[in-house]
Each structure stands twice: as C-alpha cells, then as structure tokens.
C-alpha cells in the first residue's frame, strides 16, 4: 500500500514538473520578437495583441507553408488555449483575478502563435533566397 502511494506521489510530482517545464518553454518562445509583417497579416496593432487574436493567428499559421520540418506546430498550445477559455467561462465571472490571469495566458498563446508564424516566414524567405542564389 505504501509503495502505491509513493508511486502516485512521484507520478504527480513528475506531471507537475512537466507542466511547469512546458509552461516555461512556452513563455520563453513567446517572448521572442515578432516582425511587423505578422501583425499586419493578422490585422493587429503591435502593442494590442489580445487573447481573442489567437484564432486569427491559428488560421494564419495554417496558411503559412512549412518548407522545413522543424516541428513548430500549435497542437498543445491550442489545447492549452481551449483549457484557459474553458476555465474563464466557468469561473472567470466569479473571480476577476482569475479572469485576468486567464487573459494573460491566452495572450501568451497568441504571442507563441505569432512567433511561430514569424519563424516560418523567416525560414521560408531564407530558403527562397538560397534557391535564387
């Protein structure tokens, strides 16, 4: 019985560490600079990126071709965004602090998507320049 409890605690600690690590990677990637072309394509002003812009950026991400397979998908970020939206719909009305935190997380998801679009565009421009020379 003790070993099962210890295994459960270890698995939960590992899952918590994995979630914190993934969140740190997401935050680190989202803090990269974004070119003004991405903001123009998404029809968003640079300083006014909001959580609701994530849907625009996801559709723009789907339109940008990926010439290199670098694994810059948005799968887990979409799930995280959906979970944050679900939390906001359930408890956001009751707690303004929770609603503010959820919006920060949704903006983080939008910034991550914008960075991935920008990286795809820069990679494609570099490959096109290499092909032309």
Foldseek 3Di string as FASTA:
>chain_A
DVVVVVVVVVVVVVVVVVVVVVVVVLLVLLPDDFDVVLCVQLVHDPVGQWLVSQVSLLVLLVVQDAPDPPPLDCVVLVVVLVVLVVCCVPCVVVDVVSVVVSGVSSSSSSSNSRSSSRVRVVVVVVVVVVVVD
